[in-house]
C-alpha atoms as a PDB file:
ATOM      1  CA  MET A   1       0.102  -0.080  -0.134  1.00  0.00           C
ATOM      2  CA  LYS A   2       1.183   3.167  -1.110  1.00  0.00           C
ATOM      3  CA  ILE A   3       0.627   6.784   1.730  1.00  0.00           C
ATOM      4  CA  ILE A   4      -1.415   9.335  -0.092  1.00  0.00           C
ATOM      5  CA  ILE A   5      -2.710  11.590   2.958  1.00  0.00           C
ATOM      6  CA  LYS A   6      -0.460  11.910   6.039  1.00  0.00           C
ATOM      7  CA  ARG A   7      -1.729  12.110   9.666  1.00  0.00           C
ATOM      8  CA  GLY A   8      -0.906  15.780  10.316  1.00  0.00           C
ATOM      9  CA  GLU A   9      -0.441  17.407   7.123  1.00  0.00           C
ATOM     10  CA  THR A  10      -2.660  19.762   8.511  1.00  0.00           C
ATOM     11  CA  PRO A  11      -4.264  19.812  12.269  1.00  0.00           C
ATOM     12  CA  ASN A  12      -7.556  18.113  11.331  1.00  0.00           C
ATOM     13  CA  ILE A  13      -5.977  14.659  10.021  1.00  0.00           C
ATOM     14  CA  ASN A  14      -5.948  12.272  12.647  1.00  0.00           C
ATOM     15  CA  ARG A  15      -5.046   9.250  10.405  1.00  0.00           C
ATOM     16  CA  ASN A  16      -2.701   7.962   7.581  1.00  0.00           C
ATOM     17  CA  VAL A  17      -4.475   6.867   4.490  1.00  0.00           C
ATOM     18  CA  TYR A  18      -3.226   4.374   2.014  1.00  0.00           C
ATOM     19  CA  VAL A  19      -4.207   3.121  -1.470  1.00  0.00           C
ATOM     20  CA  HIS A  20      -3.529   0.290  -3.851  1.00  0.00           C
ATOM     21  CA  PRO A  21       0.036   1.055  -5.669  1.00  0.00           C
ATOM     22  CA  GLY A  22      -1.475   0.669  -8.794  1.00  0.00           C
ATOM     23  CA  HIS A  23      -4.251   2.687  -7.922  1.00  0.00           C
ATOM     24  CA  ALA A  24      -1.426   5.713  -6.667  1.00  0.00           C
ATOM     25  CA  GLU A  25      -1.013   7.593  -9.684  1.00  0.00           C
ATOM     26  CA  THR A  26      -4.731   8.127 -10.369  1.00  0.00           C
ATOM     27  CA  TRP A  27      -5.171   9.606  -6.560  1.00  0.00           C
ATOM     28  CA  GLU A  28      -2.389  11.561  -6.838  1.00  0.00           C
ATOM     29  CA  GLN A  29      -3.977  12.925  -9.892  1.00  0.00           C
ATOM     30  CA  LEU A  30      -7.245  13.558  -8.776  1.00  0.00           C
ATOM     31  CA  LYS A  31      -5.668  15.821  -5.584  1.00  0.00           C
ATOM     32  CA  ARG A  32      -3.647  17.883  -8.604  1.00  0.00           C
ATOM     33  CA  ASP A  33      -6.918  17.893 -10.540  1.00  0.00           C
ATOM     34  CA  HIS A  34     -10.127  17.934  -8.538  1.00  0.00           C
ATOM     35  CA  PRO A  35     -10.322  22.023  -8.094  1.00  0.00           C
ATOM     36  CA  GLY A  36     -13.292  22.996 -10.217  1.00  0.00           C
ATOM     37  CA  ASN A  37     -14.635  19.286 -11.184  1.00  0.00           C
ATOM     38  CA  TYR A  38     -17.606  18.352  -9.284  1.00  0.00           C
ATOM     39  CA  TYR A  39     -17.141  14.476  -9.337  1.00  0.00           C
ATOM     40  CA  LYS A  40     -13.294  14.853  -8.941  1.00  0.00           C
ATOM     41  CA  THR A  41     -14.068  17.196  -5.875  1.00  0.00           C
ATOM     42  CA  ASN A  42     -16.682  14.701  -4.429  1.00  0.00           C
ATOM     43  CA  LEU A  43     -13.800  11.905  -4.577  1.00  0.00           C
ATOM     44  CA  VAL A  44     -11.344  13.762  -2.746  1.00  0.00           C
ATOM     45  CA  ARG A  45     -13.000  15.163  -0.138  1.00  0.00           C
ATOM     46  CA  ALA A  46     -14.206  12.328   0.503  1.00  0.00           C
ATOM     47  CA  LEU A  47     -10.548  10.530   0.901  1.00  0.00           C
ATOM     48  CA  TYR A  48     -10.585  13.523   3.259  1.00  0.00           C
ATOM     49  CA  SER A  49     -13.157  13.032   5.526  1.00  0.00           C
ATOM     50  CA  LEU A  50     -11.940   9.597   6.305  1.00  0.00           C
ATOM     51  CA  ALA A  51      -8.718  10.742   7.348  1.00  0.00           C
ATOM     52  CA  ILE A  52     -10.494  13.328   9.215  1.00  0.00           C
ATOM     53  CA  THR A  53     -12.927  11.938  10.984  1.00  0.00           C
ATOM     54  CA  PRO A  54     -12.709  10.053  14.295  1.00  0.00           C
ATOM     55  CA  GLY A  55     -13.510   6.406  15.302  1.00  0.00           C
ATOM     56  CA  GLY A  56     -13.176   3.165  16.117  1.00  0.00           C
ATOM     57  CA  ARG A  57     -10.553   0.964  15.001  1.00  0.00           C
ATOM     58  CA  ASP A  58     -12.156  -2.042  12.809  1.00  0.00           C
ATOM     59  CA  ASN A  59     -10.865  -4.332  10.461  1.00  0.00           C
ATOM     60  CA  GLY A  60     -13.900  -4.875   8.588  1.00  0.00           C
ATOM     61  CA  PRO A  61     -14.723  -4.257   5.086  1.00  0.00           C
ATOM     62  CA  LYS A  62     -16.133  -0.771   4.804  1.00  0.00           C
ATOM     63  CA  THR A  63     -17.912   0.913   1.504  1.00  0.00           C
ATOM     64  CA  LEU A  64     -18.341   4.615   1.168  1.00  0.00           C
ATOM     65  CA  LYS A  65     -21.073   5.500  -1.589  1.00  0.00           C
ATOM     66  CA  LEU A  66     -20.885   8.599  -3.392  1.00  0.00           C
ATOM     67  CA  ASP A  67     -22.462  10.206  -6.378  1.00  0.00           C
ATOM     68  CA  GLY A  68     -21.163   7.650  -8.980  1.00  0.00           C
ATOM     69  CA  ALA A  69     -18.786   6.042  -7.122  1.00  0.00           C
ATOM     70  CA  LEU A  70     -18.081   3.709  -4.309  1.00  0.00           C
ATOM     71  CA  PHE A  71     -15.011   3.594  -2.006  1.00  0.00           C
ATOM     72  CA  HIS A  72     -13.770  -0.105  -0.749  1.00  0.00           C
ATOM     73  CA  TYR A  73     -11.731   0.525   2.505  1.00  0.00           C
ATOM     74  CA  GLN A  74     -10.933  -0.602   6.077  1.00  0.00           C
ATOM     75  CA  ILE A  75      -9.650   1.133   9.639  1.00  0.00           C
ATOM     76  CA  HIS A  76      -6.375  -0.909  10.202  1.00  0.00           C
ATOM     77  CA  LYS A  77      -5.802  -1.337  13.575  1.00  0.00           C
ATOM     78  CA  ASN A  78      -3.720   1.077  14.139  1.00  0.00           C
ATOM     79  CA  GLY A  79      -6.082   3.404  13.045  1.00  0.00           C
ATOM     80  CA  ASP A  80      -4.696   3.803   9.080  1.00  0.00           C
ATOM     81  CA  ILE A  81      -7.375   4.164   6.278  1.00  0.00           C
ATOM     82  CA  LEU A  82      -6.476   1.475   3.875  1.00  0.00           C
ATOM     83  CA  VAL A  83      -8.483   2.213   0.554  1.00  0.00           C
ATOM     84  CA  TYR A  84      -8.015  -1.099  -1.467  1.00  0.00           C
ATOM     85  CA  GLY A  85     -11.036  -0.104  -3.927  1.00  0.00           C
ATOM     86  CA  LEU A  86     -12.613   2.355  -5.979  1.00  0.00           C
ATOM     87  CA  GLU A  87     -15.338   1.964  -8.917  1.00  0.00           C
ATOM     88  CA  ILE A  88     -16.360   4.787 -10.800  1.00  0.00           C
ATOM     89  CA  ASP A  89     -19.597   4.268 -12.211  1.00  0.00           C
ATOM     90  CA  SER A  90     -22.680   6.744 -13.120  1.00  0.00           C
ATOM     91  CA  SER A  91     -25.006   3.521 -12.512  1.00  0.00           C
ATOM     92  CA  ILE A  92     -23.621   2.913  -8.356  1.00  0.00           C
ATOM     93  CA  SER A  93     -26.071   6.000  -7.300  1.00  0.00           C
ATOM     94  CA  ALA A  94     -29.696   5.798  -7.624  1.00  0.00           C
ATOM     95  CA  PRO A  95     -31.003   6.699 -11.098  1.00  0.00           C
ATOM     96  CA  VAL A  96     -32.025  10.452 -11.448  1.00  0.00           C
ATOM     97  CA  THR A  97     -35.609  10.161 -11.649  1.00  0.00           C
ATOM     98  CA  ASN A  98     -37.986  13.681 -11.783  1.00  0.00           C
ATOM     99  CA  GLN A  99     -36.930  14.304  -8.399  1.00  0.00           C
ATOM    100  CA  THR A 100     -33.575  13.296  -7.523  1.00  0.00           C
ATOM    101  CA  SER A 101     -31.761  15.614  -4.808  1.00  0.00           C
ATOM    102  CA  GLY A 102     -29.249  17.595  -6.406  1.00  0.00           C
ATOM    103  CA  LEU A 103     -28.336  20.922  -8.466  1.00  0.00           C
ATOM    104  CA  TYR A 104     -30.949  22.229 -10.769  1.00  0.00           C
ATOM    105  CA  ARG A 105     -31.803  25.403 -12.783  1.00  0.00           C
ATOM    106  CA  VAL A 106     -34.711  27.866 -12.147  1.00  0.00           C
ATOM    107  CA  ASP A 107     -35.518  29.674 -15.911  1.00  0.00           C
ATOM    108  CA  LYS A 108     -37.575  33.063 -15.847  1.00  0.00           C
ATOM    109  CA  GLU A 109     -40.696  32.185 -17.762  1.00  0.00           C
ATOM    110  CA  SER A 110     -42.834  35.285 -17.893  1.00  0.00           C
ATOM    111  CA  ARG A 111     -43.764  36.255 -14.785  1.00  0.00           C
ATOM    112  CA  LYS A 112     -43.198  32.575 -12.971  1.00  0.00           C
ATOM    113  CA  TRP A 113     -40.283  30.876 -12.413  1.00  0.00           C
ATOM    114  CA  LYS A 114     -39.757  26.983 -13.476  1.00  0.00           C
ATOM    115  CA  THR A 115     -37.203  24.810 -12.238  1.00  0.00           C
ATOM    116  CA  ASP A 116     -35.729  22.598 -15.215  1.00  0.00           C
ATOM    117  CA  SER A 117     -36.017  18.642 -15.231  1.00  0.00           C
ATOM    118  CA  GLU A 118     -32.105  18.065 -15.820  1.00  0.00           C
ATOM    119  CA  ARG A 119     -29.759  17.576 -12.918  1.00  0.00           C
ATOM    120  CA  LEU A 120     -26.644  19.670 -13.062  1.00  0.00           C
ATOM    121  CA  ASN A 121     -23.105  19.285 -11.776  1.00  0.00           C
ATOM    122  CA  ILE A 122     -21.978  22.571 -11.973  1.00  0.00           C
ATOM    123  CA  MET A 123     -23.710  26.269 -11.725  1.00  0.00           C
ATOM    124  CA  ASP A 124     -23.271  28.729 -14.355  1.00  0.00           C
ATOM    125  CA  TYR A 125     -21.210  30.855 -12.518  1.00  0.00           C
ATOM    126  CA  SER A 126     -21.449  33.684 -15.367  1.00  0.00           C
ATOM    127  CA  HIS A 127     -25.024  34.617 -15.251  1.00  0.00           C
ATOM    128  CA  ARG A 128     -25.092  37.066 -12.526  1.00  0.00           C
ATOM    129  CA  TRP A 129     -27.628  39.571 -11.219  1.00  0.00           C
ATOM    130  CA  GLY A 130     -25.998  42.585 -10.051  1.00  0.00           C
ATOM    131  CA  SER A 131     -22.499  40.784  -8.984  1.00  0.00           C
ATOM    132  CA  ALA A 132     -23.011  37.824  -7.957  1.00  0.00           C
ATOM    133  CA  HIS A 133     -24.819  34.234  -9.033  1.00  0.00           C
ATOM    134  CA  TYR A 134     -27.768  33.464  -7.167  1.00  0.00           C
ATOM    135  CA  ALA A 135     -28.372  29.772  -5.368  1.00  0.00           C
ATOM    136  CA  ALA A 136     -30.998  28.337  -2.829  1.00  0.00           C
ATOM    137  CA  VAL A 137     -30.579  25.462  -0.866  1.00  0.00           C
ATOM    138  CA  SER A 138     -34.420  24.288  -0.029  1.00  0.00           C
ATOM    139  CA  GLY A 139     -36.124  23.066   2.914  1.00  0.00           C
ATOM    140  CA  LYS A 140     -39.516  21.039   2.697  1.00  0.00           C
ATOM    141  CA  PHE A 141     -41.426  21.670  -0.532  1.00  0.00           C
ATOM    142  CA  GLU A 142     -43.843  18.952  -2.394  1.00  0.00           C
ATOM    143  CA  ASP A 143     -41.588  18.799  -5.793  1.00  0.00           C
ATOM    144  CA  LYS A 144     -38.763  20.477  -6.948  1.00  0.00           C
ATOM    145  CA  GLU A 145     -41.255  22.534  -9.088  1.00  0.00           C
ATOM    146  CA  GLU A 146     -42.957  24.077  -6.137  1.00  0.00           C
ATOM    147  CA  ALA A 147     -39.363  24.696  -4.377  1.00  0.00           C
ATOM    148  CA  GLY A 148     -37.999  26.925  -7.420  1.00  0.00           C
ATOM    149  CA  GLU A 149     -41.333  29.029  -7.878  1.00  0.00           C
ATOM    150  CA  LEU A 150     -41.674  29.824  -4.125  1.00  0.00           C
ATOM    151  CA  LEU A 151     -38.061  30.294  -3.606  1.00  0.00           C
ATOM    152  CA  ILE A 152     -37.711  33.328  -5.715  1.00  0.00           C
ATOM    153  CA  ASN A 153     -40.218  34.767  -3.190  1.00  0.00           C
ATOM    154  CA  HIS A 154     -37.463  34.461  -0.173  1.00  0.00           C
ATOM    155  CA  ILE A 155     -34.163  35.495  -2.707  1.00  0.00           C
ATOM    156  CA  LEU A 156     -35.732  38.809  -3.411  1.00  0.00           C
ATOM    157  CA  PRO A 157     -36.808  40.193   0.033  1.00  0.00           C
ATOM    158  CA  ALA A 158     -33.441  38.628   1.582  1.00  0.00           C
ATOM    159  CA  TYR A 159     -31.095  40.274  -0.986  1.00  0.00           C
ATOM    160  CA  LYS A 160     -33.230  43.672  -1.873  1.00  0.00           C
ATOM    161  CA  ALA A 161     -30.711  45.878  -0.791  1.00  0.00           C
ATOM    162  CA  ALA A 162     -28.056  44.481  -3.504  1.00  0.00           C
ATOM    163  CA  LEU A 163     -30.950  43.906  -6.026  1.00  0.00           C
ATOM    164  CA  SER A 164     -32.634  46.593  -9.049  1.00  0.00           C
ATOM    165  CA  PRO A 165     -35.661  45.988 -10.746  1.00  0.00           C
ATOM    166  CA  ARG A 166     -33.046  46.347 -13.543  1.00  0.00           C
ATOM    167  CA  ASP A 167     -30.968  43.239 -12.246  1.00  0.00           C
ATOM    168  CA  LEU A 168     -34.226  40.992 -12.759  1.00  0.00           C
ATOM    169  CA  GLU A 169     -35.892  42.493 -15.869  1.00  0.00           C
ATOM    170  CA  GLY A 170     -35.882  40.660 -19.675  1.00  0.00           C
ATOM    171  CA  SER A 171     -36.331  36.964 -19.900  1.00  0.00           C
ATOM    172  CA  ARG A 172     -32.836  34.337 -19.925  1.00  0.00           C
ATOM    173  CA  LYS A 173     -32.521  34.698 -15.814  1.00  0.00           C
ATOM    174  CA  HIS A 174     -32.572  32.000 -13.840  1.00  0.00           C
ATOM    175  CA  TYR A 175     -31.059  31.236 -10.496  1.00  0.00           C
ATOM    176  CA  SER A 176     -29.615  27.942  -9.105  1.00  0.00           C
ATOM    177  CA  LEU A 177     -31.763  25.524  -6.945  1.00  0.00           C
ATOM    178  CA  TYR A 178     -29.866  22.606  -4.542  1.00  0.00           C
ATOM    179  CA  TRP A 179     -32.971  20.651  -4.008  1.00  0.00           C
ATOM    180  CA  GLN A 180     -33.347  18.133  -1.248  1.00  0.00           C
ATOM    181  CA  ASN A 181     -36.401  15.571  -1.940  1.00  0.00           C
ATOM    182  CA  GLY A 182     -36.755  15.174   1.659  1.00  0.00           C
ATOM    183  CA  GLN A 183     -33.836  13.998   2.398  1.00  0.00           C
ATOM    184  CA  HIS A 184     -32.274  17.048   4.878  1.00  0.00           C
ATOM    185  CA  GLN A 185     -30.505  14.301   6.640  1.00  0.00           C
ATOM    186  CA  GLU A 186     -28.575  12.314   4.092  1.00  0.00           C
ATOM    187  CA  GLU A 187     -24.933  12.979   4.960  1.00  0.00           C
ATOM    188  CA  ASN A 188     -24.320  12.435   0.812  1.00  0.00           C
ATOM    189  CA  ASN A 189     -26.590  15.243   0.324  1.00  0.00           C
ATOM    190  CA  ALA A 190     -24.395  17.789   2.264  1.00  0.00           C
ATOM    191  CA  GLN A 191     -21.089  15.995   0.962  1.00  0.00           C
ATOM    192  CA  SER A 192     -22.409  17.066  -2.482  1.00  0.00           C
ATOM    193  CA  LEU A 193     -23.044  20.663  -1.420  1.00  0.00           C
ATOM    194  CA  ALA A 194     -19.906  20.871   0.261  1.00  0.00           C
ATOM    195  CA  ALA A 195     -18.229  19.761  -3.313  1.00  0.00           C
ATOM    196  CA  LEU A 196     -20.673  22.438  -5.483  1.00  0.00           C
ATOM    197  CA  ILE A 197     -19.382  25.238  -2.965  1.00  0.00           C
ATOM    198  CA  GLN A 198     -15.986  24.074  -3.068  1.00  0.00           C
ATOM    199  CA  GLN A 199     -16.071  23.729  -6.991  1.00  0.00           C
ATOM    200  CA  ALA A 200     -17.404  27.633  -6.617  1.00  0.00           C
ATOM    201  CA  GLN A 201     -14.376  28.784  -5.054  1.00  0.00           C
ATOM    202  CA  ALA A 202     -12.081  27.372  -7.351  1.00  0.00           C
ATOM    203  CA  ASN A 203     -13.224  29.328  -9.741  1.00  0.00           C
ATOM    204  CA  ASP A 204     -13.354  31.999  -7.799  1.00  0.00           C
ATOM    205  CA  ALA A 205     -16.997  32.647  -8.139  1.00  0.00           C
ATOM    206  CA  ARG A 206     -19.350  35.279  -5.734  1.00  0.00           C
ATOM    207  CA  ILE A 207     -22.546  33.414  -5.080  1.00  0.00           C
ATOM    208  CA  ASN A 208     -25.418  35.126  -3.383  1.00  0.00           C
ATOM    209  CA  TRP A 209     -27.087  32.032  -1.003  1.00  0.00           C
ATOM    210  CA  LEU A 210     -30.854  31.523  -0.018  1.00  0.00           C
ATOM    211  CA  VAL A 211     -30.930  28.582   2.456  1.00  0.00           C
ATOM    212  CA  HIS A 212     -34.402  27.789   3.571  1.00  0.00           C
ATOM    213  CA  GLY A 213     -35.992  25.743   6.123  1.00  0.00           C
ATOM    214  CA  GLU A 214     -34.368  22.158   7.167  1.00  0.00           C
ATOM    215  CA  GLY A 215     -32.105  22.958   4.350  1.00  0.00           C
ATOM    216  CA  VAL A 216     -30.275  25.146   6.610  1.00  0.00           C
ATOM    217  CA  GLY A 217     -28.932  21.719   8.748  1.00  0.00           C
ATOM    218  CA  THR A 218     -27.311  20.564   5.288  1.00  0.00           C
ATOM    219  CA  PHE A 219     -25.818  23.804   4.447  1.00  0.00           C
ATOM    220  CA  VAL A 220     -24.401  24.226   8.314  1.00  0.00           C
ATOM    221  CA  GLN A 221     -23.067  20.438   7.714  1.00  0.00           C
ATOM    222  CA  ALA A 222     -21.553  21.473   4.355  1.00  0.00           C
ATOM    223  CA  LEU A 223     -19.753  24.480   5.519  1.00  0.00           C
ATOM    224  CA  GLN A 224     -18.235  22.739   8.578  1.00  0.00           C
ATOM    225  CA  SER A 225     -16.554  19.580   6.683  1.00  0.00           C
ATOM    226  CA  LEU A 226     -15.112  22.391   4.250  1.00  0.00           C
ATOM    227  CA  ALA A 227     -13.897  24.099   7.206  1.00  0.00           C
ATOM    228  CA  LYS A 228     -12.000  21.033   8.062  1.00  0.00           C
ATOM    229  CA  GLN A 229     -10.536  20.603   5.111  1.00  0.00           C
ATOM    230  CA  PRO A 230      -7.049  22.052   3.895  1.00  0.00           C
ATOM    231  CA  GLY A 231      -7.139  24.687   0.870  1.00  0.00           C
ATOM    232  CA  ILE A 232     -10.744  26.253   2.107  1.00  0.00           C
ATOM    233  CA  SER A 233      -9.239  29.529   3.949  1.00  0.00           C
ATOM    234  CA  SER A 234     -11.707  31.409   1.801  1.00  0.00           C
ATOM    235  CA  LEU A 235     -13.961  30.224   4.020  1.00  0.00           C
ATOM    236  CA  VAL A 236     -12.773  30.682   7.247  1.00  0.00           C
ATOM    237  CA  ALA A 237     -11.975  33.850   9.215  1.00  0.00           C
ATOM    238  CA  ASN A 238      -9.344  34.240  12.062  1.00  0.00           C
ATOM    239  CA  GLY A 239      -9.306  31.948  14.783  1.00  0.00           C
ATOM    240  CA  LYS A 240     -10.703  29.026  12.253  1.00  0.00           C
ATOM    241  CA  GLU A 241     -14.209  30.159  12.890  1.00  0.00           C
ATOM    242  CA  LEU A 242     -16.472  30.074   9.924  1.00  0.00           C
ATOM    243  CA  SER A 243     -16.494  33.569   8.334  1.00  0.00           C
ATOM    244  CA  ASN A 244     -20.329  35.491   8.743  1.00  0.00           C
ATOM    245  CA  GLN A 245     -19.635  36.000   4.738  1.00  0.00           C
END
């Protein structure tokens, strides 16, 4: 086995992580190339999450399910993580249905806002109202269509000081929606949202977020996860507390 993450690499890393020697070059490339790519970021973040997670020592095999991938690993008796298998296959994830949790685009159509049916892996950061792109994390709604139609009524009052009527004039306006289909306690949703936030950071994108209802727990969990990982200093203020911004 070859070490890919070292204990003490940052103060939060509690375990060494080893990978199969035949996979080491792939992991090194993922670590180099992941900024800006949703799937690669998700994989690298998952690897670091194993390194920073406290817990017991158990020699039994374990599997970590991600969006489009499976990790096969075990915890050595000395506490180190041994990753002996990685499967990358979009069919591993639950099939994308009409209401699958994830990122969607909500378009302005006349006076209504309509949620697109295609799940996305990246926001259109170049689309801005004023100086920022706008995104919402949903709470509980009947479906993503209802969430997309109603959350605009929360975004506009929340950012009324930053927006002018001119910013929303005309067609071809949209905002990004992170929809959760009643799965606000699912860690995988928080990890996927964290990957999207990290992806935006890597692209120097300015995003104004609206977090609704039960979505707050998911958003906070995502930020807490990001604050523990290396290279996320833009989300952390002095004293390692999450920035109010």
